[in-house]
Amino acid sequence: MKRRNFVRNAALGALGVSVQPSLAFAAGNTKTHIWDWMQHLKELAQTKRRTQAQRSSESFLPLVEDLNRYFEVRGYAPVAGSGFFFAGMLENTCFFPLQLRNARAGATDLLVPMLALNAEGIWYHALTLTGYQLEALHYAAQKLAGEALNIADYLLPISLQVANTGKGPCFNTKTGTFGIETRLEGSQSKTRITVTAGNEIVLSDTFVSKHCLTSSPKLAPL
């Protein structure tokens, strides 16, 4: 139980992201589909998989090494053989998965650090997506699938900064913002999403989260 509390507070609470740490192991959640959510993120971003950055590699690898050390003491490690996923025509944004693996319980969780090039051509750590946020991206993409729009423009963080709207945590996107907030209601974790384009709400929904540190006996290949 002490180990569970440590991972809950250190691996999530210390990141400064929207998920409240007390929800990480909420009761009522069952099997996670987190590797499917990661795959969906890769497809939305139209990524190119590489082992190294093609631009400013001298600042890229030291940053990755620092991040790996930071998350290692919080229980997370790089996924073997996954490489890095670069997005954009200039490949100026990048993300990669880090896994929390409990061999005895057969449990898996993911964090996804997102990196970007600044105006000086130096890579920096912009934000980290949690499993709850991956799930929300996947859910929102499914809800918008029938619409005649470029879903990536509405869901993917474009500035890689967390927007300060006063209405809860959200990402800046190409069209507006994408808000994601997970809270505990009774025995369930519920995630509220709000997608905006300018001042218009494109999607507003709340769903019961299926994500938690639960059984996932096989790691899906990336």
Protein backbone atom coordinates (compact mmCIF):
# COMPACT_ATOMS: atom_id res chain seq x y z
CA MET A 1 0.00 0.00 0.00
CA LYS A 2 2.88 2.37 0.77
CA ARG A 3 4.39 1.69 -2.66
CA ARG A 4 1.05 2.43 -4.31
CA ASN A 5 0.74 5.74 -2.48
CA PHE A 6 4.30 6.71 -3.41
CA VAL A 7 3.76 6.11 -7.12
CA ARG A 8 0.40 7.89 -7.00
CA ASN A 9 1.81 11.04 -5.43
CA ALA A 10 5.32 11.20 -6.87
CA ALA A 11 4.69 10.10 -10.44
CA LEU A 12 1.54 12.15 -10.99
CA GLY A 13 1.35 14.90 -8.40
CA ALA A 14 4.87 16.18 -9.04
CA LEU A 15 4.23 16.74 -12.74
CA GLY A 16 1.98 19.75 -12.45
CA VAL A 17 -0.59 18.25 -14.81
CA SER A 18 -4.37 18.31 -14.66
CA VAL A 19 -5.01 14.91 -13.10
CA GLN A 20 -5.50 15.04 -9.35
CA PRO A 21 -3.11 12.52 -7.72
CA SER A 22 -5.79 11.09 -5.43
CA LEU A 23 -7.57 9.71 -8.48
CA ALA A 24 -4.79 7.59 -9.88
CA PHE A 25 -6.03 4.40 -8.27
CA ALA A 26 -9.73 5.16 -7.95
CA ALA A 27 -11.96 2.17 -7.33
CA GLY A 28 -14.19 0.80 -10.04
CA ASN A 29 -11.78 0.97 -12.98
CA THR A 30 -10.95 -2.22 -14.83
CA LYS A 31 -8.82 -3.06 -17.84
CA THR A 32 -6.91 -0.21 -19.45
CA HIS A 33 -6.40 0.29 -23.19
CA ILE A 34 -3.53 2.69 -22.73
CA TRP A 35 -1.38 1.29 -25.54
CA ASP A 36 -4.26 1.80 -27.97
CA TRP A 37 -4.47 5.41 -26.79
CA MET A 38 -0.75 5.87 -27.44
CA GLN A 39 -1.17 4.47 -30.93
CA HIS A 40 -4.03 6.89 -31.57
CA LEU A 41 -1.87 9.83 -30.47
CA LYS A 42 0.83 8.78 -32.92
CA GLU A 43 -1.70 8.59 -35.74
CA LEU A 44 -3.34 11.93 -34.92
CA ALA A 45 0.03 13.67 -34.90
CA GLN A 46 1.12 11.91 -38.13
CA THR A 47 4.43 11.12 -36.53
CA LYS A 48 7.72 9.91 -37.90
CA ARG A 49 9.52 7.40 -35.73
CA ARG A 50 13.23 8.05 -35.27
CA THR A 51 16.05 7.15 -32.90
CA GLN A 52 17.40 10.72 -32.81
CA ALA A 53 16.32 14.27 -33.58
CA GLN A 54 17.27 15.50 -37.03
CA ARG A 55 17.52 19.07 -35.72
CA SER A 56 19.63 20.28 -32.79
CA SER A 57 20.62 16.79 -31.73
CA GLU A 58 23.23 18.26 -29.38
CA SER A 59 20.46 19.58 -27.12
CA PHE A 60 18.01 16.71 -27.68
CA LEU A 61 19.79 13.73 -26.13
CA PRO A 62 20.95 15.51 -22.93
CA LEU A 63 17.36 16.65 -22.37
CA VAL A 64 16.03 13.11 -22.86
CA GLU A 65 18.65 11.76 -20.47
CA ASP A 66 17.70 14.32 -17.83
CA LEU A 67 14.01 13.46 -18.20
CA ASN A 68 14.69 9.74 -17.99
CA ARG A 69 16.63 10.24 -14.76
CA TYR A 70 13.85 12.44 -13.34
CA PHE A 71 11.12 9.92 -14.06
CA GLU A 72 13.23 6.88 -13.15
CA VAL A 73 13.19 7.79 -9.46
CA ARG A 74 9.40 8.04 -9.77
CA GLY A 75 9.15 4.49 -11.09
CA TYR A 76 9.01 5.14 -14.86
CA ALA A 77 11.41 3.88 -17.52
CA PRO A 78 11.71 4.19 -21.33
CA VAL A 79 9.86 1.59 -23.37
CA ALA A 80 12.51 -0.65 -24.90
CA GLY A 81 12.88 -0.11 -28.64
CA SER A 82 10.14 2.49 -28.95
CA GLY A 83 12.35 5.35 -30.13
CA PHE A 84 10.97 8.88 -30.46
CA PHE A 85 7.95 10.16 -32.39
CA PHE A 86 8.40 13.46 -34.24
CA ALA A 87 5.50 15.52 -35.53
CA GLY A 88 5.16 18.45 -37.92
CA MET A 89 6.73 19.20 -41.28
CA LEU A 90 9.84 20.52 -39.54
CA GLU A 91 9.79 17.74 -36.91
CA ASN A 92 10.00 20.42 -34.24
CA THR A 93 7.88 18.56 -31.68
CA CYS A 94 8.53 15.13 -30.25
CA PHE A 95 7.10 12.70 -27.70
CA PHE A 96 8.05 9.30 -26.31
CA PRO A 97 6.45 6.84 -23.86
CA LEU A 98 7.69 6.03 -20.37
CA GLN A 99 6.20 3.00 -18.66
CA LEU A 100 5.49 2.15 -15.06
CA ARG A 101 5.65 -1.62 -14.95
CA ASN A 102 4.76 -3.75 -11.92
CA ALA A 103 5.89 -7.24 -12.89
CA ARG A 104 4.28 -8.98 -9.91
CA ALA A 105 0.85 -7.41 -10.54
CA GLY A 106 1.18 -7.37 -14.34
CA ALA A 107 0.29 -3.67 -14.26
CA THR A 108 1.29 -0.94 -16.70
CA ASP A 109 0.92 2.82 -16.84
CA LEU A 110 2.30 5.41 -19.26
CA LEU A 111 3.53 8.97 -19.16
CA VAL A 112 4.31 10.75 -22.41
CA PRO A 113 6.80 13.65 -22.19
CA MET A 114 6.37 16.12 -25.06
CA LEU A 115 9.37 18.12 -26.29
CA ALA A 116 9.59 21.11 -28.61
CA LEU A 117 12.18 23.33 -30.28
CA ASN A 118 12.23 26.93 -29.11
CA ALA A 119 12.99 29.99 -31.23
CA GLU A 120 16.71 29.54 -30.60
CA GLY A 121 16.61 25.97 -31.90
CA ILE A 122 17.01 24.36 -28.46
CA TRP A 123 14.87 21.43 -27.35
CA TYR A 124 12.88 21.88 -24.13
CA HIS A 125 10.41 19.81 -22.11
CA ALA A 126 7.03 21.43 -22.72
CA LEU A 127 4.57 19.17 -20.90
CA THR A 128 3.85 15.57 -19.95
CA LEU A 129 0.68 13.74 -20.90
CA THR A 130 -0.72 11.30 -18.35
CA GLY A 131 -2.69 8.15 -19.06
CA TYR A 132 -5.91 10.02 -18.29
CA GLN A 133 -5.06 12.65 -20.89
CA LEU A 134 -4.19 10.01 -23.49
CA GLU A 135 -7.56 8.41 -22.81
CA ALA A 136 -9.30 11.78 -23.19
CA LEU A 137 -7.57 12.46 -26.53
CA HIS A 138 -8.68 9.07 -27.78
CA TYR A 139 -12.25 9.55 -26.53
CA ALA A 140 -12.59 13.03 -28.04
CA ALA A 141 -11.19 11.85 -31.38
CA GLN A 142 -13.82 9.11 -31.51
CA LYS A 143 -16.61 11.57 -30.70
CA LEU A 144 -15.48 13.93 -33.46
CA ALA A 145 -14.79 11.20 -36.02
CA GLY A 146 -18.01 11.81 -37.96
CA GLU A 147 -17.44 15.55 -38.30
CA ALA A 148 -16.00 17.16 -41.43
CA LEU A 149 -12.95 18.65 -39.74
CA ASN A 150 -9.27 18.03 -39.16
CA ILE A 151 -9.41 16.37 -35.75
CA ALA A 152 -5.73 16.96 -35.01
CA ASP A 153 -6.26 20.74 -35.24
CA TYR A 154 -8.89 20.53 -32.49
CA LEU A 155 -7.16 18.10 -30.11
CA LEU A 156 -3.39 18.24 -30.31
CA PRO A 157 -1.44 20.78 -28.26
CA ILE A 158 0.01 23.27 -30.75
CA SER A 159 1.94 25.63 -28.49
CA LEU A 160 2.85 22.80 -26.09
CA GLN A 161 1.93 25.12 -23.26
CA VAL A 162 -0.82 24.67 -20.71
CA ALA A 163 -3.38 27.40 -21.32
CA ASN A 164 -4.47 29.59 -18.41
CA THR A 165 -8.15 30.19 -19.05
CA GLY A 166 -9.39 30.31 -15.48
CA LYS A 167 -11.78 27.47 -16.32
CA GLY A 168 -9.53 24.56 -15.45
CA PRO A 169 -6.45 22.97 -17.08
CA CYS A 170 -6.38 22.83 -20.87
CA PHE A 171 -4.04 22.80 -23.86
CA ASN A 172 -3.79 25.41 -26.58
CA THR A 173 -4.66 23.82 -29.93
CA LYS A 174 -4.56 25.13 -33.50
CA THR A 175 -8.25 26.07 -33.35
CA GLY A 176 -8.67 26.97 -29.68
CA THR A 177 -8.31 24.90 -26.51
CA PHE A 178 -8.82 21.33 -25.29
CA GLY A 179 -9.67 21.04 -21.61
CA ILE A 180 -9.21 17.76 -19.72
CA GLU A 181 -10.03 17.30 -16.05
CA THR A 182 -10.45 14.06 -14.11
CA ARG A 183 -12.24 13.94 -10.76
CA LEU A 184 -13.47 11.28 -8.38
CA GLU A 185 -17.24 10.99 -8.06
CA GLY A 186 -18.30 8.25 -5.69
CA SER A 187 -16.39 5.13 -6.68
CA GLN A 188 -15.73 6.28 -10.26
CA SER A 189 -13.16 8.48 -11.97
CA LYS A 190 -14.91 10.83 -14.37
CA THR A 191 -13.12 12.86 -17.03
CA ARG A 192 -14.63 16.06 -18.36
CA ILE A 193 -13.49 17.28 -21.78
CA THR A 194 -14.20 20.58 -23.50
CA VAL A 195 -13.05 21.28 -27.06
CA THR A 196 -13.32 24.86 -28.30
CA ALA A 197 -12.66 26.59 -31.61
CA GLY A 198 -12.33 30.29 -30.98
CA ASN A 199 -15.24 31.12 -28.66
CA GLU A 200 -17.37 28.19 -29.84
CA ILE A 201 -17.68 24.93 -27.89
CA VAL A 202 -17.26 22.10 -30.40
CA LEU A 203 -17.48 19.24 -27.91
CA SER A 204 -18.36 19.06 -24.22
CA ASP A 205 -18.73 15.68 -22.59
CA THR A 206 -18.04 13.71 -19.42
CA PHE A 207 -17.21 10.01 -19.40
CA VAL A 208 -16.28 7.38 -16.84
CA SER A 209 -12.55 6.83 -17.07
CA LYS A 210 -11.31 3.29 -17.62
CA HIS A 211 -7.75 4.22 -16.83
CA CYS A 212 -5.89 3.18 -13.72
CA LEU A 213 -2.88 1.04 -12.86
CA THR A 214 -4.52 -2.27 -13.79
CA SER A 215 -3.70 -5.59 -15.37
CA SER A 216 -2.02 -5.42 -18.78
CA PRO A 217 -0.01 -8.63 -19.09
CA LYS A 218 1.50 -7.92 -22.53
CA LEU A 219 3.12 -4.70 -23.74
CA ALA A 220 1.80 -3.83 -27.19
CA PRO A 221 4.59 -3.15 -29.73
CA LEU A 222 5.04 0.48 -30.72
